[in-house]
């Protein structure tokens, strides 16, 4: 059985592109469109990795990342930010929030998969 990834992004186009890439690579994918939904899914599904956007309605990505890191059962889940925001300050804020790395949209599928495999394997 493949590793489980939670994709959190309010852009339906990202889900249409990323979910098939991850599924084809053998990952189980659950997806959420905002932080509140993602928190419930993270608690229920216990994913191995979360791919997270920064700008979302409700709980913003960085706040969501900090929030899950405060839960004992979620704190060890790896988080990758996948966002169009890519200044040094943005990336530093993402890492400070608890992310393991940052990828910039649009992402090359091979780079996305290589990054994920480097963090959680297959």
N, C-alpha and C. Protein backbone atom coordinates (compact mmCIF):
# COMPACT_ATOMS: atom_id res chain seq x y z
N UNK A 1 0.84 -1.19 0.00
CA UNK A 1 0.00 0.00 0.00
C UNK A 1 0.88 1.25 0.00
N UNK A 2 0.51 2.23 -0.82
CA UNK A 2 1.32 3.43 -0.96
C UNK A 2 1.21 4.38 0.21
N UNK A 3 2.14 5.29 0.28
CA UNK A 3 2.10 6.33 1.30
C UNK A 3 0.95 7.28 1.00
N UNK A 4 0.45 7.92 2.06
CA UNK A 4 -0.71 8.81 1.92
C UNK A 4 -0.27 10.27 1.95
N UNK A 5 -0.79 11.05 1.00
CA UNK A 5 -0.48 12.47 0.90
C UNK A 5 -1.77 13.27 0.98
N UNK A 6 -1.75 14.32 1.78
CA UNK A 6 -2.86 15.26 1.85
C UNK A 6 -2.47 16.51 1.06
N UNK A 7 -3.25 16.82 0.02
CA UNK A 7 -3.04 18.01 -0.80
C UNK A 7 -4.02 19.08 -0.36
N UNK A 8 -3.51 20.25 0.02
CA UNK A 8 -4.35 21.34 0.50
C UNK A 8 -4.13 22.58 -0.36
N UNK A 9 -5.14 22.92 -1.15
CA UNK A 9 -5.06 24.08 -2.03
C UNK A 9 -6.48 24.50 -2.41
N UNK A 10 -6.74 25.79 -2.43
CA UNK A 10 -8.09 26.25 -2.78
C UNK A 10 -8.31 26.36 -4.29
N UNK A 11 -7.27 26.11 -5.07
CA UNK A 11 -7.38 26.17 -6.53
C UNK A 11 -7.72 24.79 -7.10
N UNK A 12 -8.93 24.62 -7.65
CA UNK A 12 -9.31 23.30 -8.19
C UNK A 12 -8.37 22.82 -9.29
N UNK A 13 -7.76 23.75 -10.02
CA UNK A 13 -6.82 23.38 -11.08
C UNK A 13 -5.60 22.65 -10.55
N UNK A 14 -5.15 23.03 -9.37
CA UNK A 14 -4.00 22.34 -8.75
C UNK A 14 -4.38 20.89 -8.44
N UNK A 15 -5.57 20.68 -7.93
CA UNK A 15 -6.02 19.31 -7.64
C UNK A 15 -6.11 18.49 -8.93
N UNK A 16 -6.60 19.11 -10.01
CA UNK A 16 -6.74 18.40 -11.29
C UNK A 16 -5.39 17.99 -11.86
N UNK A 17 -4.37 18.76 -11.59
CA UNK A 17 -3.03 18.46 -12.10
C UNK A 17 -2.25 17.54 -11.16
N UNK A 18 -2.23 17.87 -9.87
CA UNK A 18 -1.35 17.18 -8.91
C UNK A 18 -1.88 15.79 -8.50
N UNK A 19 -3.18 15.66 -8.27
CA UNK A 19 -3.72 14.37 -7.81
C UNK A 19 -3.38 13.23 -8.79
N UNK A 20 -3.60 13.40 -10.10
CA UNK A 20 -3.23 12.30 -11.02
C UNK A 20 -1.73 11.97 -11.03
N UNK A 21 -0.91 12.99 -10.91
CA UNK A 21 0.55 12.76 -10.87
C UNK A 21 0.92 11.89 -9.67
N UNK A 22 0.37 12.25 -8.51
CA UNK A 22 0.69 11.50 -7.29
C UNK A 22 0.09 10.11 -7.32
N UNK A 23 -1.15 10.00 -7.79
CA UNK A 23 -1.82 8.69 -7.86
C UNK A 23 -1.08 7.75 -8.80
N UNK A 24 -0.69 8.26 -9.96
CA UNK A 24 0.03 7.44 -10.94
C UNK A 24 1.37 6.95 -10.37
N UNK A 25 1.96 7.75 -9.49
CA UNK A 25 3.23 7.37 -8.86
C UNK A 25 3.03 6.40 -7.70
N UNK A 26 1.78 6.07 -7.38
CA UNK A 26 1.52 5.07 -6.35
C UNK A 26 1.15 5.61 -4.98
N UNK A 27 0.98 6.91 -4.88
CA UNK A 27 0.58 7.49 -3.60
C UNK A 27 -0.93 7.52 -3.47
N UNK A 28 -1.42 7.38 -2.25
CA UNK A 28 -2.84 7.57 -1.97
C UNK A 28 -3.02 9.05 -1.67
N UNK A 29 -3.98 9.69 -2.31
CA UNK A 29 -4.14 11.13 -2.18
C UNK A 29 -5.51 11.47 -1.61
N UNK A 30 -5.50 12.29 -0.58
CA UNK A 30 -6.72 12.90 -0.08
C UNK A 30 -6.52 14.41 -0.26
N UNK A 31 -7.61 15.12 -0.53
CA UNK A 31 -7.42 16.54 -0.80
C UNK A 31 -8.43 17.39 -0.06
N UNK A 32 -8.00 18.61 0.21
CA UNK A 32 -8.83 19.59 0.91
C UNK A 32 -8.66 20.93 0.21
N UNK A 33 -9.70 21.74 0.30
CA UNK A 33 -9.68 23.05 -0.36
C UNK A 33 -9.39 24.20 0.61
N UNK A 34 -9.38 23.93 1.92
CA UNK A 34 -9.06 24.97 2.89
C UNK A 34 -8.54 24.31 4.18
N UNK A 35 -7.96 25.15 5.04
CA UNK A 35 -7.30 24.65 6.23
C UNK A 35 -8.19 23.92 7.21
N UNK A 36 -9.43 24.40 7.41
CA UNK A 36 -10.33 23.74 8.36
C UNK A 36 -10.61 22.30 7.92
N UNK A 37 -10.93 22.14 6.64
CA UNK A 37 -11.18 20.80 6.09
C UNK A 37 -9.91 19.95 6.19
N UNK A 38 -8.79 20.55 5.91
CA UNK A 38 -7.51 19.83 5.94
C UNK A 38 -7.18 19.34 7.35
N UNK A 39 -7.48 20.14 8.36
CA UNK A 39 -7.20 19.73 9.73
C UNK A 39 -8.00 18.49 10.09
N UNK A 40 -9.28 18.48 9.73
CA UNK A 40 -10.11 17.29 10.00
C UNK A 40 -9.56 16.07 9.25
N UNK A 41 -9.19 16.26 7.99
CA UNK A 41 -8.64 15.14 7.21
C UNK A 41 -7.32 14.65 7.79
N UNK A 42 -6.47 15.58 8.21
CA UNK A 42 -5.18 15.19 8.79
C UNK A 42 -5.39 14.35 10.04
N UNK A 43 -6.33 14.75 10.87
CA UNK A 43 -6.61 14.00 12.10
C UNK A 43 -7.23 12.63 11.79
N UNK A 44 -8.10 12.57 10.79
CA UNK A 44 -8.76 11.31 10.44
C UNK A 44 -7.86 10.37 9.64
N UNK A 45 -7.12 10.93 8.70
CA UNK A 45 -6.37 10.12 7.73
C UNK A 45 -4.91 9.88 8.11
N UNK A 46 -4.35 10.74 8.94
CA UNK A 46 -2.93 10.65 9.34
C UNK A 46 -2.02 10.45 8.13
N UNK A 47 -1.96 11.44 7.24
CA UNK A 47 -1.12 11.29 6.04
C UNK A 47 0.36 11.25 6.39
N UNK A 48 1.13 10.72 5.46
CA UNK A 48 2.59 10.69 5.62
C UNK A 48 3.21 12.03 5.28
N UNK A 49 2.49 12.81 4.44
CA UNK A 49 3.01 14.07 3.94
C UNK A 49 1.84 14.99 3.62
N UNK A 50 2.05 16.28 3.81
CA UNK A 50 1.05 17.29 3.42
C UNK A 50 1.70 18.24 2.43
N UNK A 51 1.02 18.45 1.30
CA UNK A 51 1.42 19.46 0.33
C UNK A 51 0.46 20.63 0.53
N UNK A 52 1.00 21.81 0.77
CA UNK A 52 0.21 22.91 1.29
C UNK A 52 0.47 24.21 0.55
N UNK A 53 -0.62 24.92 0.21
CA UNK A 53 -0.50 26.26 -0.35
C UNK A 53 -0.42 27.27 0.79
N UNK A 54 0.08 28.46 0.49
CA UNK A 54 0.19 29.50 1.52
C UNK A 54 -1.11 30.31 1.60
N UNK A 55 -1.58 30.80 0.46
CA UNK A 55 -2.74 31.69 0.43
C UNK A 55 -4.00 30.85 0.22
N UNK A 56 -4.83 30.79 1.27
CA UNK A 56 -6.09 30.04 1.23
C UNK A 56 -7.12 30.79 2.06
N UNK A 57 -8.40 30.54 1.80
CA UNK A 57 -9.42 31.13 2.66
C UNK A 57 -9.37 30.50 4.06
N UNK A 58 -9.82 31.25 5.06
CA UNK A 58 -9.81 30.71 6.42
C UNK A 58 -8.39 30.65 6.95
N UNK A 59 -8.01 29.50 7.45
CA UNK A 59 -6.66 29.30 7.99
C UNK A 59 -5.65 29.38 6.84
N UNK A 60 -4.72 30.30 6.93
CA UNK A 60 -3.67 30.42 5.91
C UNK A 60 -2.68 29.25 6.07
N UNK A 61 -1.94 28.97 5.01
CA UNK A 61 -1.05 27.82 5.00
C UNK A 61 -0.04 27.78 6.13
N UNK A 62 0.62 28.89 6.38
CA UNK A 62 1.64 28.90 7.44
C UNK A 62 1.00 28.68 8.80
N UNK A 63 -0.16 29.30 9.03
CA UNK A 63 -0.86 29.10 10.31
C UNK A 63 -1.31 27.65 10.45
N UNK A 64 -1.77 27.06 9.34
CA UNK A 64 -2.18 25.65 9.36
C UNK A 64 -0.99 24.77 9.72
N UNK A 65 0.16 25.05 9.13
CA UNK A 65 1.36 24.26 9.40
C UNK A 65 1.73 24.35 10.88
N UNK A 66 1.73 25.55 11.43
CA UNK A 66 2.03 25.72 12.86
C UNK A 66 1.02 24.97 13.72
N UNK A 67 -0.26 25.03 13.31
CA UNK A 67 -1.32 24.39 14.08
C UNK A 67 -1.13 22.87 14.13
N UNK A 68 -0.85 22.23 12.98
CA UNK A 68 -0.70 20.78 13.02
C UNK A 68 0.54 20.36 13.80
N UNK A 69 1.55 21.21 13.80
CA UNK A 69 2.77 20.89 14.55
C UNK A 69 2.51 20.94 16.06
N UNK A 70 1.39 21.55 16.47
CA UNK A 70 1.06 21.61 17.90
C UNK A 70 0.30 20.37 18.38
N UNK A 71 -0.12 19.51 17.46
CA UNK A 71 -0.82 18.27 17.82
C UNK A 71 0.21 17.14 17.90
N UNK A 72 0.22 16.42 19.01
CA UNK A 72 1.17 15.30 19.15
C UNK A 72 1.03 14.28 18.02
N UNK A 73 -0.21 14.00 17.62
CA UNK A 73 -0.44 12.96 16.60
C UNK A 73 -0.13 13.44 15.18
N UNK A 74 0.06 14.74 14.99
CA UNK A 74 0.32 15.28 13.65
C UNK A 74 1.69 15.93 13.51
N UNK A 75 2.37 16.18 14.60
CA UNK A 75 3.59 17.00 14.56
C UNK A 75 4.71 16.42 13.71
N UNK A 76 4.72 15.10 13.49
CA UNK A 76 5.80 14.49 12.71
C UNK A 76 5.48 14.36 11.23
N UNK A 77 4.32 14.83 10.80
CA UNK A 77 3.97 14.76 9.38
C UNK A 77 4.79 15.80 8.62
N UNK A 78 5.45 15.35 7.57
CA UNK A 78 6.25 16.26 6.75
C UNK A 78 5.33 17.18 5.96
N UNK A 79 5.72 18.45 5.84
CA UNK A 79 4.94 19.43 5.09
C UNK A 79 5.82 20.04 4.01
N UNK A 80 5.29 20.04 2.78
CA UNK A 80 5.92 20.74 1.65
C UNK A 80 4.99 21.89 1.27
N UNK A 81 5.52 23.09 1.21
CA UNK A 81 4.73 24.19 0.68
C UNK A 81 4.88 24.20 -0.84
N UNK A 82 3.75 24.25 -1.52
CA UNK A 82 3.70 24.38 -2.97
C UNK A 82 2.93 25.65 -3.26
N UNK A 83 3.65 26.69 -3.62
CA UNK A 83 3.04 28.02 -3.71
C UNK A 83 3.74 28.89 -4.75
N UNK A 84 3.04 29.90 -5.21
CA UNK A 84 3.62 30.86 -6.14
C UNK A 84 4.52 31.86 -5.40
N UNK A 85 4.34 31.96 -4.09
CA UNK A 85 5.15 32.89 -3.29
C UNK A 85 6.55 32.27 -3.12
N UNK A 86 7.57 32.97 -3.62
CA UNK A 86 8.89 32.34 -3.59
C UNK A 86 10.03 33.29 -3.23
N UNK A 87 9.73 34.35 -2.51
CA UNK A 87 10.83 35.22 -2.07
C UNK A 87 11.58 34.51 -0.94
N UNK A 88 12.78 34.98 -0.66
CA UNK A 88 13.55 34.39 0.45
C UNK A 88 12.79 34.50 1.76
N UNK A 89 12.12 35.64 1.98
CA UNK A 89 11.35 35.83 3.22
C UNK A 89 10.19 34.85 3.30
N UNK A 90 9.51 34.62 2.15
CA UNK A 90 8.40 33.66 2.13
C UNK A 90 8.88 32.26 2.48
N UNK A 91 9.96 31.85 1.85
CA UNK A 91 10.49 30.50 2.08
C UNK A 91 10.95 30.35 3.53
N UNK A 92 11.61 31.37 4.06
CA UNK A 92 12.04 31.32 5.46
C UNK A 92 10.83 31.20 6.39
N UNK A 93 9.76 31.95 6.11
CA UNK A 93 8.55 31.90 6.95
C UNK A 93 7.92 30.51 6.89
N UNK A 94 7.96 29.88 5.72
CA UNK A 94 7.41 28.52 5.58
C UNK A 94 8.22 27.52 6.40
N UNK A 95 9.53 27.61 6.31
CA UNK A 95 10.39 26.70 7.07
C UNK A 95 10.25 26.96 8.57
N UNK A 96 10.14 28.23 8.94
CA UNK A 96 9.95 28.58 10.35
C UNK A 96 8.62 28.04 10.88
N UNK A 97 7.63 27.92 9.99
CA UNK A 97 6.31 27.40 10.39
C UNK A 97 6.33 25.88 10.58
N UNK A 98 7.40 25.23 10.10
CA UNK A 98 7.53 23.79 10.31
C UNK A 98 7.62 22.96 9.05
N UNK A 99 7.66 23.61 7.89
CA UNK A 99 7.77 22.86 6.63
C UNK A 99 9.17 22.28 6.46
N UNK A 100 9.26 21.19 5.68
CA UNK A 100 10.57 20.62 5.38
C UNK A 100 11.18 21.22 4.13
N UNK A 101 10.33 21.73 3.22
CA UNK A 101 10.85 22.35 2.01
C UNK A 101 9.76 23.16 1.32
N UNK A 102 10.17 23.81 0.24
CA UNK A 102 9.30 24.69 -0.54
C UNK A 102 9.47 24.34 -2.01
N UNK A 103 8.35 24.28 -2.73
CA UNK A 103 8.37 24.17 -4.19
C UNK A 103 7.53 25.31 -4.75
N UNK A 104 7.96 25.84 -5.89
CA UNK A 104 7.28 26.97 -6.49
C UNK A 104 6.35 26.52 -7.61
N UNK A 105 5.13 27.08 -7.63
CA UNK A 105 4.19 26.83 -8.72
C UNK A 105 4.60 27.68 -9.92
N UNK A 106 4.42 27.18 -11.12
CA UNK A 106 4.03 25.80 -11.44
C UNK A 106 5.21 24.86 -11.20
N UNK A 107 4.91 23.67 -10.72
CA UNK A 107 5.97 22.72 -10.37
C UNK A 107 6.15 21.69 -11.48
N UNK A 108 7.39 21.34 -11.71
CA UNK A 108 7.69 20.26 -12.65
C UNK A 108 7.32 18.94 -11.96
N UNK A 109 6.49 18.11 -12.60
CA UNK A 109 6.07 16.85 -11.96
C UNK A 109 7.23 15.98 -11.49
N UNK A 110 8.29 15.90 -12.29
CA UNK A 110 9.44 15.08 -11.89
C UNK A 110 10.10 15.64 -10.63
N UNK A 111 10.19 16.96 -10.53
CA UNK A 111 10.77 17.59 -9.34
C UNK A 111 9.89 17.34 -8.11
N UNK A 112 8.58 17.42 -8.30
CA UNK A 112 7.65 17.16 -7.21
C UNK A 112 7.82 15.74 -6.69
N UNK A 113 7.82 14.77 -7.60
CA UNK A 113 7.95 13.37 -7.19
C UNK A 113 9.31 13.09 -6.55
N UNK A 114 10.35 13.66 -7.10
CA UNK A 114 11.70 13.46 -6.54
C UNK A 114 11.77 14.03 -5.11
N UNK A 115 11.17 15.20 -4.91
CA UNK A 115 11.15 15.81 -3.59
C UNK A 115 10.38 14.94 -2.60
N UNK A 116 9.20 14.49 -3.01
CA UNK A 116 8.38 13.65 -2.13
C UNK A 116 9.11 12.35 -1.78
N UNK A 117 9.67 11.69 -2.80
CA UNK A 117 10.39 10.44 -2.56
C UNK A 117 11.56 10.64 -1.62
N UNK A 118 12.22 11.79 -1.73
CA UNK A 118 13.36 12.09 -0.85
C UNK A 118 12.93 12.28 0.60
N UNK A 119 11.67 12.64 0.81
CA UNK A 119 11.18 12.89 2.16
C UNK A 119 10.51 11.67 2.77
N UNK A 120 9.61 11.02 2.01
CA UNK A 120 8.84 9.90 2.60
C UNK A 120 9.01 8.58 1.86
N UNK A 121 9.77 8.57 0.77
CA UNK A 121 9.90 7.34 0.00
C UNK A 121 8.64 7.05 -0.80
N UNK A 122 8.49 5.79 -1.18
CA UNK A 122 7.31 5.40 -1.99
C UNK A 122 6.28 4.70 -1.15
